Amino acid sequence: MSPQVNKHRLGLQGEALVAAEMKHKGWTIAGQRLRCAAGEADLFALQGRSGWVVEVKTSWGRPAQADRLPWRRQQHLWRVAETLLWDFDLDRVQVSLVLVSLASHRQRLRWITLDPF
C-alpha cells in the first residue's frame, strides 16, 4: 500500500474521531468533506441555529502541530464558514482546527478555535 493511501486513511480516521466527538457533544454532522461555493471543509456541523466548520489534522505517534494550518487556509475556512452561514440561514458560525494524534494505545484530540480574520 502506498504512503499516500495510508495518509488518506489516517486523515479519514481522524475526521471520524472528531465527528464522533462532535455528535457526542450534541452536534449534527451536516457534511464531511463538504464542498460549497467558497471551497471545502473537513467537517460541518449544526446545533440549533449555529454552525461549526472544522479542519482536522491527523498524525500518527506524535502530536500534530498547530502550525500545519497556514494563515491562507484559515482565511479560506472563514470564507467557507461565511458561505455556510448564509446557505443554512444560521445565526452564528465558528471555525476550529482539531489536531488528532493517534497511537496504538491512545488517541488525543486538541481543539483550537480560530479567530475571524
Protein backbone atom coordinates (compact mmCIF):
# COMPACT_ATOMS: atom_id res chain seq x y z
CA MET A 1 0.00 0.00 0.00
CA SER A 2 1.39 3.42 -0.93
CA PRO A 3 2.22 6.10 1.69
CA GLN A 4 -0.34 8.39 0.02
CA VAL A 5 -3.12 5.84 0.61
CA ASN A 6 -2.03 5.44 4.23
CA LYS A 7 -2.03 9.23 4.68
CA HIS A 8 -5.53 9.39 3.21
CA ARG A 9 -6.78 6.64 5.55
CA LEU A 10 -5.13 8.34 8.52
CA GLY A 11 -6.95 11.57 7.65
CA LEU A 12 -10.28 9.78 7.34
CA GLN A 13 -9.72 8.09 10.69
CA GLY A 14 -9.00 11.43 12.37
CA GLU A 15 -12.09 13.01 10.81
CA ALA A 16 -14.23 10.08 12.01
CA LEU A 17 -12.96 10.51 15.58
CA VAL A 18 -13.69 14.23 15.54
CA ALA A 19 -17.16 13.66 14.04
CA ALA A 20 -17.95 11.12 16.78
CA GLU A 21 -16.84 13.60 19.47
CA MET A 22 -18.98 16.35 17.94
CA LYS A 23 -22.01 14.03 17.85
CA HIS A 24 -21.35 13.14 21.50
CA LYS A 25 -21.46 16.89 22.29
CA GLY A 26 -24.87 17.19 20.64
CA TRP A 27 -23.91 18.47 17.20
CA THR A 28 -25.39 17.05 14.00
CA ILE A 29 -22.85 16.38 11.26
CA ALA A 30 -24.25 18.13 8.18
CA GLY A 31 -21.28 17.32 5.97
CA GLN A 32 -17.94 15.58 5.81
CA ARG A 33 -15.52 16.86 3.18
CA LEU A 34 -18.28 19.33 2.44
CA ARG A 35 -17.97 21.43 -0.69
CA CYS A 36 -19.71 24.76 -1.18
CA ALA A 37 -19.26 27.79 -3.44
CA ALA A 38 -16.36 29.07 -1.26
CA GLY A 39 -14.48 25.78 -1.08
CA GLU A 40 -14.20 22.67 1.10
CA ALA A 41 -14.24 21.90 4.83
CA ASP A 42 -13.38 18.60 6.52
CA LEU A 43 -16.46 18.71 8.75
CA PHE A 44 -19.52 20.93 9.08
CA ALA A 45 -21.89 20.50 12.00
CA LEU A 46 -25.14 22.09 13.14
CA GLN A 47 -26.71 22.63 16.53
CA GLY A 48 -29.87 24.71 16.51
CA ARG A 49 -29.08 27.85 14.51
CA SER A 50 -25.31 27.57 14.99
CA GLY A 51 -22.77 26.07 12.61
CA TRP A 52 -19.27 24.73 13.14
CA VAL A 53 -16.64 24.42 10.39
CA VAL A 54 -13.79 22.11 11.38
CA GLU A 55 -10.39 21.44 9.82
CA VAL A 56 -8.81 18.18 11.04
CA LYS A 57 -5.07 17.49 11.01
CA THR A 58 -4.11 13.94 11.98
CA SER A 59 -0.72 12.47 12.80
CA TRP A 60 0.50 9.07 13.97
CA GLY A 61 2.64 8.61 17.07
CA ARG A 62 3.48 12.25 17.65
CA PRO A 63 1.47 15.36 18.48
CA ALA A 64 0.09 17.17 15.46
CA GLN A 65 1.41 20.71 15.09
CA ALA A 66 -0.81 23.79 15.11
CA ASP A 67 1.48 25.46 12.58
CA ARG A 68 0.27 22.95 9.97
CA LEU A 69 -2.61 25.34 9.20
CA PRO A 70 -1.26 28.39 7.35
CA TRP A 71 -2.94 31.77 7.57
CA ARG A 72 -4.18 31.46 3.97
CA ARG A 73 -6.03 28.22 4.83
CA GLN A 74 -7.57 29.88 7.90
CA GLN A 75 -8.89 32.70 5.70
CA HIS A 76 -10.26 30.10 3.29
CA LEU A 77 -12.10 28.32 6.13
CA TRP A 78 -13.68 31.58 7.26
CA ARG A 79 -14.90 32.21 3.70
CA VAL A 80 -16.43 28.72 3.72
CA ALA A 81 -17.99 29.46 7.13
CA GLU A 82 -19.47 32.73 5.89
CA THR A 83 -20.97 30.99 2.85
CA LEU A 84 -22.47 28.24 5.01
CA LEU A 85 -23.82 30.84 7.45
CA TRP A 86 -25.92 32.27 4.65
CA ASP A 87 -26.68 28.97 2.89
CA PHE A 88 -28.06 27.41 6.08
CA ASP A 89 -29.61 30.66 7.42
CA LEU A 90 -27.64 30.43 10.68
CA ASP A 91 -27.27 32.97 13.49
CA ARG A 92 -23.60 32.21 14.07
CA VAL A 93 -20.76 30.03 12.88
CA GLN A 94 -17.42 29.11 14.41
CA VAL A 95 -14.26 27.68 12.88
CA SER A 96 -11.92 25.27 14.65
CA LEU A 97 -8.78 23.32 13.98
CA VAL A 98 -8.62 19.90 15.62
CA LEU A 99 -5.21 18.27 15.97
CA VAL A 100 -5.56 14.50 16.25
CA SER A 101 -2.70 12.32 17.50
CA LEU A 102 -3.13 8.59 17.06
CA ALA A 103 -1.02 5.93 18.71
CA SER A 104 -1.51 2.24 19.29
CA HIS A 105 -2.60 2.77 22.89
CA ARG A 106 -4.43 6.14 22.85
CA GLN A 107 -5.92 8.98 20.85
CA ARG A 108 -5.63 12.67 21.64
CA LEU A 109 -7.75 15.49 20.21
CA ARG A 110 -6.70 19.11 20.69
CA TRP A 111 -9.35 21.69 19.78
CA ILE A 112 -8.22 25.18 18.69
CA THR A 113 -10.80 27.88 17.94
CA LEU A 114 -9.73 30.08 15.03
CA ASP A 115 -10.47 33.78 15.29
CA PRO A 116 -12.06 35.54 12.34
CA PHE A 117 -9.60 37.40 10.13
